[in-house]
Amino acid sequence: MKRLTPEEFREAEKVPLIVVLDDVRSMHNVGSVLRTADAFRLEAVWLCGITGTPPHAEIHKTALGAEDSVSWRYFATAVEAVRELKNCGVEVYSVEQAEGSTMLHDFHPLPGHHYAIVLGNEVKGVRQEVIDESHGCLEIPQHGTKHSMNVSVAAGIVIYHFVEALGDED
């Protein structure tokens, strides 16, 4: 199955995508995002505000060890994280339903570019000041009666979209 050890994962080439979690309160969602980041060999996950950090039993329950392979950092606020990303030349997009947002299928990540996506709190979403710092908003089209989805599910959808455009040749 060509599984990497955590050490091999840390040394392997990564998809140039960082996931920023803005005040995600569920440790299970954090673990799920870390596990998805491992599955697609993303560069990192940045945990902000009230978002839990490893080591934590509830994160481990869904991460299944990905918290040991995926690079992660903690920031007091997502605004601080987004500003650092932008200072490093990373294009930052909040995943949110907002006026002027771009539908995910209309956004085409470009090879050679470095990206970050911000996902927000399970109830309140991405905070406005974080959206204001972002280069734009990406929106997942939804056609049912609900107009929201679980943050880890949304992360998986958006990550897959980026990996299809930026991913490795494996």
N, C-alpha and C. Protein backbone atom coordinates (compact mmCIF):
# COMPACT_ATOMS: atom_id res chain seq x y z
N MET A 1 0.82 -1.20 0.00
CA MET A 1 0.00 0.00 0.00
C MET A 1 0.86 1.27 0.00
N LYS A 2 2.17 1.13 -0.03
CA LYS A 2 3.08 2.27 -0.08
C LYS A 2 2.85 3.25 1.07
N ARG A 3 2.60 2.74 2.26
CA ARG A 3 2.41 3.62 3.42
C ARG A 3 3.76 4.11 3.90
N LEU A 4 3.79 5.38 4.25
CA LEU A 4 5.01 5.99 4.77
C LEU A 4 5.05 5.87 6.29
N THR A 5 6.23 5.78 6.82
CA THR A 5 6.38 5.91 8.26
C THR A 5 6.22 7.40 8.59
N PRO A 6 5.95 7.77 9.84
CA PRO A 6 5.89 9.20 10.17
C PRO A 6 7.17 9.95 9.79
N GLU A 7 8.31 9.30 9.94
CA GLU A 7 9.58 9.94 9.57
C GLU A 7 9.65 10.16 8.06
N GLU A 8 9.26 9.16 7.28
CA GLU A 8 9.25 9.30 5.82
C GLU A 8 8.26 10.37 5.39
N PHE A 9 7.11 10.43 6.07
CA PHE A 9 6.10 11.44 5.76
C PHE A 9 6.70 12.84 5.95
N ARG A 10 7.38 13.05 7.06
CA ARG A 10 7.95 14.38 7.34
C ARG A 10 8.96 14.78 6.28
N GLU A 11 9.66 13.83 5.70
CA GLU A 11 10.68 14.12 4.68
C GLU A 11 10.12 14.18 3.26
N ALA A 12 8.94 13.64 3.04
CA ALA A 12 8.35 13.55 1.70
C ALA A 12 7.92 14.92 1.18
N GLU A 13 7.88 15.04 -0.13
CA GLU A 13 7.37 16.26 -0.75
C GLU A 13 5.89 16.41 -0.42
N LYS A 14 5.48 17.63 -0.13
CA LYS A 14 4.10 17.89 0.30
C LYS A 14 3.33 18.67 -0.77
N VAL A 15 2.02 18.52 -0.73
CA VAL A 15 1.14 19.39 -1.52
C VAL A 15 1.22 20.77 -0.87
N PRO A 16 1.43 21.83 -1.64
CA PRO A 16 1.61 23.17 -1.07
C PRO A 16 0.30 23.80 -0.59
N LEU A 17 -0.25 23.16 0.44
CA LEU A 17 -1.52 23.61 1.01
C LEU A 17 -1.45 23.48 2.52
N ILE A 18 -1.81 24.56 3.21
CA ILE A 18 -1.90 24.58 4.67
C ILE A 18 -3.37 24.78 5.02
N VAL A 19 -3.85 23.99 5.97
CA VAL A 19 -5.22 24.14 6.47
C VAL A 19 -5.14 24.90 7.79
N VAL A 20 -5.93 25.97 7.90
CA VAL A 20 -6.00 26.78 9.11
C VAL A 20 -7.38 26.55 9.74
N LEU A 21 -7.39 26.12 10.99
CA LEU A 21 -8.65 25.92 11.70
C LEU A 21 -8.86 27.07 12.67
N ASP A 22 -9.94 27.81 12.47
CA ASP A 22 -10.26 29.02 13.23
C ASP A 22 -11.33 28.70 14.28
N ASP A 23 -10.91 28.53 15.53
CA ASP A 23 -11.84 28.29 16.64
C ASP A 23 -12.72 27.06 16.44
N VAL A 24 -12.15 25.96 15.97
CA VAL A 24 -12.89 24.70 15.83
C VAL A 24 -12.92 24.04 17.20
N ARG A 25 -14.12 23.84 17.71
CA ARG A 25 -14.24 23.39 19.10
C ARG A 25 -14.21 21.88 19.27
N SER A 26 -14.57 21.11 18.27
CA SER A 26 -14.62 19.66 18.40
C SER A 26 -13.24 19.04 18.16
N MET A 27 -12.76 18.34 19.16
CA MET A 27 -11.47 17.64 19.02
C MET A 27 -11.56 16.57 17.93
N HIS A 28 -12.75 15.98 17.75
CA HIS A 28 -12.92 14.98 16.69
C HIS A 28 -12.76 15.61 15.32
N ASN A 29 -13.26 16.83 15.14
CA ASN A 29 -13.06 17.52 13.87
C ASN A 29 -11.58 17.83 13.64
N VAL A 30 -10.89 18.25 14.67
CA VAL A 30 -9.45 18.52 14.55
C VAL A 30 -8.72 17.25 14.13
N GLY A 31 -9.01 16.15 14.80
CA GLY A 31 -8.37 14.88 14.46
C GLY A 31 -8.68 14.44 13.05
N SER A 32 -9.92 14.63 12.63
CA SER A 32 -10.32 14.25 11.28
C SER A 32 -9.58 15.07 10.23
N VAL A 33 -9.43 16.37 10.47
CA VAL A 33 -8.69 17.22 9.52
C VAL A 33 -7.22 16.81 9.48
N LEU A 34 -6.64 16.51 10.62
CA LEU A 34 -5.25 16.04 10.63
C LEU A 34 -5.10 14.74 9.84
N ARG A 35 -6.05 13.85 10.00
CA ARG A 35 -6.00 12.57 9.29
C ARG A 35 -6.14 12.78 7.79
N THR A 36 -7.02 13.69 7.37
CA THR A 36 -7.17 14.00 5.95
C THR A 36 -5.91 14.66 5.41
N ALA A 37 -5.31 15.55 6.20
CA ALA A 37 -4.06 16.19 5.80
C ALA A 37 -2.95 15.16 5.60
N ASP A 38 -2.93 14.14 6.45
CA ASP A 38 -1.96 13.06 6.29
C ASP A 38 -2.26 12.28 5.01
N ALA A 39 -3.52 11.94 4.79
CA ALA A 39 -3.90 11.14 3.63
C ALA A 39 -3.47 11.78 2.32
N PHE A 40 -3.55 13.11 2.27
CA PHE A 40 -3.21 13.81 1.03
C PHE A 40 -1.84 14.48 1.08
N ARG A 41 -1.07 14.19 2.15
CA ARG A 41 0.30 14.68 2.30
C ARG A 41 0.39 16.20 2.17
N LEU A 42 -0.45 16.88 2.97
CA LEU A 42 -0.45 18.34 2.97
C LEU A 42 0.74 18.88 3.77
N GLU A 43 1.06 20.11 3.49
CA GLU A 43 2.19 20.75 4.16
C GLU A 43 2.00 20.86 5.67
N ALA A 44 0.83 21.33 6.11
CA ALA A 44 0.64 21.54 7.55
C ALA A 44 -0.82 21.84 7.86
N VAL A 45 -1.12 21.79 9.15
CA VAL A 45 -2.40 22.25 9.69
C VAL A 45 -2.05 23.23 10.80
N TRP A 46 -2.64 24.41 10.73
CA TRP A 46 -2.42 25.44 11.75
C TRP A 46 -3.69 25.55 12.59
N LEU A 47 -3.53 25.44 13.89
CA LEU A 47 -4.63 25.41 14.85
C LEU A 47 -4.67 26.74 15.58
N CYS A 48 -5.85 27.37 15.59
CA CYS A 48 -5.94 28.74 16.09
C CYS A 48 -7.06 28.91 17.12
N GLY A 49 -6.81 29.82 18.06
CA GLY A 49 -7.84 30.18 19.04
C GLY A 49 -8.17 29.03 19.96
N ILE A 50 -9.47 28.72 20.08
CA ILE A 50 -9.92 27.66 20.98
C ILE A 50 -9.72 26.26 20.39
N THR A 51 -9.24 26.17 19.17
CA THR A 51 -9.00 24.87 18.54
C THR A 51 -8.03 24.07 19.40
N GLY A 52 -8.40 22.84 19.70
CA GLY A 52 -7.54 21.98 20.51
C GLY A 52 -6.28 21.59 19.77
N THR A 53 -5.26 21.23 20.56
CA THR A 53 -3.98 20.82 20.00
C THR A 53 -3.58 19.46 20.56
N PRO A 54 -2.81 18.71 19.79
CA PRO A 54 -2.25 17.46 20.31
C PRO A 54 -1.23 17.78 21.41
N PRO A 55 -0.95 16.86 22.29
CA PRO A 55 -1.59 15.56 22.41
C PRO A 55 -2.93 15.67 23.14
N HIS A 56 -3.91 14.96 22.65
CA HIS A 56 -5.23 14.96 23.26
C HIS A 56 -5.93 13.66 22.83
N ALA A 57 -6.50 12.95 23.79
CA ALA A 57 -7.12 11.65 23.50
C ALA A 57 -8.22 11.74 22.45
N GLU A 58 -9.04 12.79 22.51
CA GLU A 58 -10.14 12.90 21.53
C GLU A 58 -9.62 13.23 20.13
N ILE A 59 -8.54 14.00 20.03
CA ILE A 59 -7.92 14.25 18.71
C ILE A 59 -7.37 12.94 18.17
N HIS A 60 -6.67 12.20 19.03
CA HIS A 60 -6.07 10.94 18.60
C HIS A 60 -7.12 9.93 18.13
N LYS A 61 -8.30 9.97 18.74
CA LYS A 61 -9.37 9.02 18.40
C LYS A 61 -9.72 9.08 16.91
N THR A 62 -9.70 10.27 16.32
CA THR A 62 -10.01 10.38 14.89
C THR A 62 -8.76 10.56 14.04
N ALA A 63 -7.70 11.13 14.59
CA ALA A 63 -6.46 11.33 13.82
C ALA A 63 -5.71 10.02 13.62
N LEU A 64 -5.86 9.10 14.56
CA LEU A 64 -5.21 7.79 14.49
C LEU A 64 -3.71 7.87 14.23
N GLY A 65 -3.07 8.84 14.86
CA GLY A 65 -1.62 8.99 14.73
C GLY A 65 -1.19 10.07 13.76
N ALA A 66 -2.11 10.62 12.97
CA ALA A 66 -1.75 11.67 12.02
C ALA A 66 -1.24 12.92 12.74
N GLU A 67 -1.60 13.07 14.00
CA GLU A 67 -1.10 14.21 14.76
C GLU A 67 0.41 14.11 14.98
N ASP A 68 0.97 12.91 14.75
CA ASP A 68 2.41 12.72 14.88
C ASP A 68 3.14 12.85 13.54
N SER A 69 2.42 12.74 12.43
CA SER A 69 3.07 12.84 11.12
C SER A 69 2.88 14.21 10.48
N VAL A 70 1.71 14.79 10.62
CA VAL A 70 1.43 16.09 10.00
C VAL A 70 2.02 17.21 10.83
N SER A 71 2.70 18.11 10.17
CA SER A 71 3.23 19.28 10.84
C SER A 71 2.07 20.19 11.26
N TRP A 72 2.09 20.64 12.51
CA TRP A 72 1.04 21.56 12.97
C TRP A 72 1.66 22.64 13.84
N ARG A 73 0.99 23.78 13.87
CA ARG A 73 1.40 24.91 14.69
C ARG A 73 0.17 25.48 15.36
N TYR A 74 0.38 26.15 16.47
CA TYR A 74 -0.71 26.82 17.17
C TYR A 74 -0.51 28.32 17.11
N PHE A 75 -1.61 29.05 16.88
CA PHE A 75 -1.62 30.51 16.91
C PHE A 75 -2.75 30.97 17.82
N ALA A 76 -2.53 32.05 18.55
CA ALA A 76 -3.57 32.58 19.43
C ALA A 76 -4.81 32.99 18.64
N THR A 77 -4.62 33.51 17.42
CA THR A 77 -5.75 33.90 16.58
C THR A 77 -5.48 33.49 15.13
N ALA A 78 -6.56 33.27 14.41
CA ALA A 78 -6.43 32.95 12.98
C ALA A 78 -5.96 34.17 12.20
N VAL A 79 -6.28 35.37 12.67
CA VAL A 79 -5.78 36.58 12.00
C VAL A 79 -4.26 36.59 12.00
N GLU A 80 -3.68 36.26 13.15
CA GLU A 80 -2.21 36.18 13.26
C GLU A 80 -1.65 35.16 12.26
N ALA A 81 -2.28 34.01 12.17
CA ALA A 81 -1.83 32.96 11.25
C ALA A 81 -1.95 33.42 9.80
N VAL A 82 -3.08 34.02 9.45
CA VAL A 82 -3.29 34.47 8.07
C VAL A 82 -2.28 35.54 7.70
N ARG A 83 -2.02 36.46 8.59
CA ARG A 83 -1.02 37.51 8.31
C ARG A 83 0.36 36.90 8.07
N GLU A 84 0.73 35.91 8.87
CA GLU A 84 2.03 35.25 8.66
C GLU A 84 2.07 34.55 7.32
N LEU A 85 1.00 33.86 6.98
CA LEU A 85 0.94 33.19 5.67
C LEU A 85 1.08 34.19 4.53
N LYS A 86 0.35 35.28 4.60
CA LYS A 86 0.42 36.28 3.54
C LYS A 86 1.82 36.90 3.45
N ASN A 87 2.45 37.12 4.59
CA ASN A 87 3.82 37.66 4.58
C ASN A 87 4.80 36.70 3.92
N CYS A 88 4.47 35.41 3.91
CA CYS A 88 5.31 34.40 3.26
C CYS A 88 4.91 34.16 1.81
N GLY A 89 3.98 34.95 1.28
CA GLY A 89 3.57 34.82 -0.11
C GLY A 89 2.53 33.75 -0.38
N VAL A 90 1.87 33.28 0.67
CA VAL A 90 0.84 32.24 0.52
C VAL A 90 -0.50 32.90 0.20
N GLU A 91 -1.24 32.35 -0.75
CA GLU A 91 -2.59 32.83 -1.07
C GLU A 91 -3.56 32.15 -0.10
N VAL A 92 -4.33 32.97 0.62
CA VAL A 92 -5.20 32.46 1.68
C VAL A 92 -6.67 32.65 1.30
N TYR A 93 -7.43 31.57 1.39
CA TYR A 93 -8.86 31.62 1.08
C TYR A 93 -9.65 31.04 2.25
N SER A 94 -10.64 31.79 2.69
CA SER A 94 -11.56 31.31 3.71
C SER A 94 -12.64 30.49 3.04
N VAL A 95 -13.01 29.39 3.66
CA VAL A 95 -14.10 28.55 3.15
C VAL A 95 -15.35 28.99 3.89
N GLU A 96 -16.18 29.76 3.17
CA GLU A 96 -17.31 30.39 3.83
C GLU A 96 -18.32 30.85 2.79
N GLN A 97 -19.58 30.87 3.19
CA GLN A 97 -20.62 31.46 2.37
C GLN A 97 -20.61 32.95 2.65
N ALA A 98 -20.24 33.72 1.66
CA ALA A 98 -20.12 35.17 1.85
C ALA A 98 -20.41 35.86 0.53
N GLU A 99 -20.81 37.10 0.64
CA GLU A 99 -21.06 37.88 -0.57
C GLU A 99 -19.76 37.98 -1.36
N GLY A 100 -19.86 37.66 -2.64
CA GLY A 100 -18.68 37.73 -3.51
C GLY A 100 -17.81 36.48 -3.46
N SER A 101 -18.26 35.44 -2.76
CA SER A 101 -17.45 34.21 -2.70
C SER A 101 -17.39 33.56 -4.08
N THR A 102 -16.38 32.76 -4.28
CA THR A 102 -16.19 32.00 -5.52
C THR A 102 -16.62 30.56 -5.27
N MET A 103 -17.49 30.05 -6.13
CA MET A 103 -17.88 28.66 -6.00
C MET A 103 -16.64 27.78 -6.21
N LEU A 104 -16.52 26.76 -5.40
CA LEU A 104 -15.32 25.94 -5.40
C LEU A 104 -14.99 25.42 -6.80
N HIS A 105 -16.00 24.96 -7.54
CA HIS A 105 -15.73 24.41 -8.87
C HIS A 105 -15.26 25.47 -9.87
N ASP A 106 -15.42 26.75 -9.54
CA ASP A 106 -14.95 27.83 -10.40
C ASP A 106 -13.56 28.32 -10.02
N PHE A 107 -12.99 27.77 -8.96
CA PHE A 107 -11.67 28.17 -8.50
C PHE A 107 -10.66 27.12 -8.96
N HIS A 108 -9.62 27.58 -9.63
CA HIS A 108 -8.63 26.66 -10.20
C HIS A 108 -7.25 26.97 -9.63
N PRO A 109 -6.84 26.22 -8.59
CA PRO A 109 -5.51 26.44 -8.03
C PRO A 109 -4.44 26.22 -9.09
N LEU A 110 -3.42 27.04 -9.06
CA LEU A 110 -2.37 26.98 -10.06
C LEU A 110 -1.13 26.28 -9.53
N PRO A 111 -0.62 25.31 -10.29
CA PRO A 111 0.64 24.68 -9.88
C PRO A 111 1.72 25.75 -9.72
N GLY A 112 2.58 25.54 -8.76
CA GLY A 112 3.64 26.52 -8.49
C GLY A 112 3.23 27.57 -7.48
N HIS A 113 1.95 27.63 -7.14
CA HIS A 113 1.47 28.58 -6.13
C HIS A 113 1.34 27.85 -4.80
N HIS A 114 1.39 28.62 -3.76
CA HIS A 114 1.28 28.09 -2.40
C HIS A 114 -0.02 28.62 -1.81
N TYR A 115 -0.84 27.74 -1.24
CA TYR A 115 -2.17 28.11 -0.77
C TYR A 115 -2.39 27.73 0.69
N ALA A 116 -3.37 28.42 1.29
CA ALA A 116 -3.91 28.04 2.59
C ALA A 116 -5.41 28.22 2.53
N ILE A 117 -6.11 27.34 3.23
CA ILE A 117 -7.56 27.47 3.37
C ILE A 117 -7.88 27.59 4.85
N VAL A 118 -8.84 28.46 5.15
CA VAL A 118 -9.27 28.67 6.53
C VAL A 118 -10.67 28.10 6.69
N LEU A 119 -10.84 27.25 7.69
CA LEU A 119 -12.15 26.70 8.03
C LEU A 119 -12.48 27.14 9.44
N GLY A 120 -13.76 27.47 9.66
CA GLY A 120 -14.14 28.10 10.91
C GLY A 120 -14.91 27.24 11.88
N ASN A 121 -15.31 27.90 12.93
CA ASN A 121 -16.07 27.32 14.03
C ASN A 121 -17.33 26.62 13.51
N GLU A 122 -17.68 25.53 14.16
CA GLU A 122 -18.81 24.71 13.74
C GLU A 122 -20.14 25.46 13.73
N VAL A 123 -20.30 26.48 14.53
CA VAL A 123 -21.55 27.24 14.57
C VAL A 123 -21.42 28.59 13.87
N LYS A 124 -20.36 29.30 14.14
CA LYS A 124 -20.20 30.67 13.65
C LYS A 124 -19.42 30.79 12.35
N GLY A 125 -18.73 29.74 11.93
CA GLY A 125 -17.95 29.80 10.71
C GLY A 125 -16.66 30.58 10.90
N VAL A 126 -16.12 31.05 9.79
CA VAL A 126 -14.89 31.83 9.81
C VAL A 126 -15.24 33.25 10.24
N ARG A 127 -14.49 33.77 11.21
CA ARG A 127 -14.78 35.11 11.71
C ARG A 127 -14.53 36.16 10.63
N GLN A 128 -15.32 37.23 10.65
CA GLN A 128 -15.26 38.26 9.62
C GLN A 128 -13.87 38.87 9.49
N GLU A 129 -13.20 39.11 10.60
CA GLU A 129 -11.87 39.72 10.51
C GLU A 129 -10.87 38.79 9.81
N VAL A 130 -11.10 37.49 9.88
CA VAL A 130 -10.25 36.54 9.17
C VAL A 130 -10.59 36.58 7.68
N ILE A 131 -11.88 36.62 7.38
CA ILE A 131 -12.30 36.75 5.98
C ILE A 131 -11.71 38.01 5.37
N ASP A 132 -11.76 39.11 6.12
CA ASP A 132 -11.23 40.38 5.62
C ASP A 132 -9.73 40.30 5.32
N GLU A 133 -8.99 39.47 6.04
CA GLU A 133 -7.55 39.30 5.82
C GLU A 133 -7.25 38.33 4.67
N SER A 134 -8.23 37.53 4.29
CA SER A 134 -8.03 36.52 3.26
C SER A 134 -8.03 37.15 1.87
N HIS A 135 -7.49 36.41 0.91
CA HIS A 135 -7.52 36.86 -0.48
C HIS A 135 -8.92 36.72 -1.09
N GLY A 136 -9.75 35.88 -0.48
CA GLY A 136 -11.10 35.68 -0.96
C GLY A 136 -11.77 34.55 -0.21
N CYS A 137 -13.00 34.25 -0.61
CA CYS A 137 -13.76 33.16 0.00
C CYS A 137 -14.11 32.13 -1.06
N LEU A 138 -14.01 30.88 -0.66
CA LEU A 138 -14.45 29.77 -1.50
C LEU A 138 -15.70 29.17 -0.88
N GLU A 139 -16.66 28.87 -1.71
CA GLU A 139 -17.93 28.34 -1.23
C GLU A 139 -18.21 27.00 -1.88
N ILE A 140 -18.60 26.04 -1.07
CA ILE A 140 -18.99 24.72 -1.58
C ILE A 140 -20.47 24.80 -1.96
N PRO A 141 -20.81 24.55 -3.23
CA PRO A 141 -22.22 24.59 -3.62
C PRO A 141 -23.02 23.56 -2.83
N GLN A 142 -24.18 23.98 -2.36
CA GLN A 142 -25.07 23.09 -1.60
C GLN A 142 -26.48 23.24 -2.16
N HIS A 143 -27.14 22.13 -2.36
CA HIS A 143 -28.42 22.16 -3.06
C HIS A 143 -29.58 21.59 -2.25
N GLY A 144 -29.36 21.28 -0.99
CA GLY A 144 -30.42 20.69 -0.17
C GLY A 144 -31.09 21.72 0.72
N THR A 145 -31.69 21.25 1.79
CA THR A 145 -32.38 22.15 2.71
C THR A 145 -31.42 22.78 3.71
N LYS A 146 -30.28 22.15 3.92
CA LYS A 146 -29.27 22.69 4.84
C LYS A 146 -28.24 23.47 4.04
N HIS A 147 -27.75 24.52 4.59
CA HIS A 147 -26.73 25.32 3.92
C HIS A 147 -25.49 25.44 4.78
N SER A 148 -25.15 24.31 5.37
CA SER A 148 -23.91 24.20 6.11
C SER A 148 -23.55 22.72 6.14
N MET A 149 -22.29 22.45 6.45
CA MET A 149 -21.88 21.06 6.61
C MET A 149 -20.81 20.98 7.67
N ASN A 150 -20.57 19.77 8.15
CA ASN A 150 -19.56 19.56 9.16
C ASN A 150 -18.21 20.09 8.66
N VAL A 151 -17.47 20.72 9.56
CA VAL A 151 -16.21 21.36 9.18
C VAL A 151 -15.20 20.35 8.64
N SER A 152 -15.15 19.15 9.19
CA SER A 152 -14.18 18.19 8.67
C SER A 152 -14.61 17.66 7.30
N VAL A 153 -15.90 17.57 7.05
CA VAL A 153 -16.39 17.17 5.73
C VAL A 153 -16.07 18.26 4.71
N ALA A 154 -16.34 19.51 5.08
CA ALA A 154 -16.01 20.63 4.19
C ALA A 154 -14.52 20.66 3.90
N ALA A 155 -13.70 20.42 4.93
CA ALA A 155 -12.25 20.40 4.73
C ALA A 155 -11.88 19.34 3.71
N GLY A 156 -12.44 18.15 3.83
CA GLY A 156 -12.13 17.07 2.90
C GLY A 156 -12.48 17.41 1.46
N ILE A 157 -13.63 18.03 1.27
CA ILE A 157 -14.05 18.42 -0.08
C ILE A 157 -13.10 19.43 -0.68
N VAL A 158 -12.77 20.46 0.08
CA VAL A 158 -11.91 21.53 -0.43
C VAL A 158 -10.48 21.02 -0.61
N ILE A 159 -9.99 20.24 0.34
CA ILE A 159 -8.64 19.68 0.21
C ILE A 159 -8.55 18.85 -1.07
N TYR A 160 -9.53 18.01 -1.32
CA TYR A 160 -9.50 17.18 -2.52
C TYR A 160 -9.46 18.03 -3.79
N HIS A 161 -10.22 19.11 -3.79
CA HIS A 161 -10.22 20.02 -4.94
C HIS A 161 -8.81 20.57 -5.19
N PHE A 162 -8.13 20.99 -4.14
CA PHE A 162 -6.77 21.52 -4.28
C PHE A 162 -5.79 20.43 -4.68
N VAL A 163 -5.90 19.27 -4.08
CA VAL A 163 -4.96 18.18 -4.38
C VAL A 163 -5.09 17.75 -5.84
N GLU A 164 -6.30 17.74 -6.36
CA GLU A 164 -6.48 17.40 -7.78
C GLU A 164 -5.70 18.35 -8.68
N ALA A 165 -5.62 19.62 -8.30
CA ALA A 165 -4.91 20.60 -9.11
C ALA A 165 -3.41 20.66 -8.79
N LEU A 166 -3.06 20.46 -7.53
CA LEU A 166 -1.68 20.68 -7.10
C LEU A 166 -0.92 19.43 -6.71
N GLY A 167 -1.64 18.30 -6.59
CA GLY A 167 -1.08 17.10 -5.99
C GLY A 167 0.07 16.50 -6.75
N ASP A 168 0.64 15.48 -6.09
CA ASP A 168 1.80 14.81 -6.67
C ASP A 168 1.36 13.84 -7.76
N GLU A 169 2.34 13.21 -8.35
CA GLU A 169 2.09 12.33 -9.51
C GLU A 169 1.92 10.87 -9.10
N ASP A 170 1.87 10.56 -7.80
CA ASP A 170 1.79 9.17 -7.33
C ASP A 170 0.57 8.47 -7.87
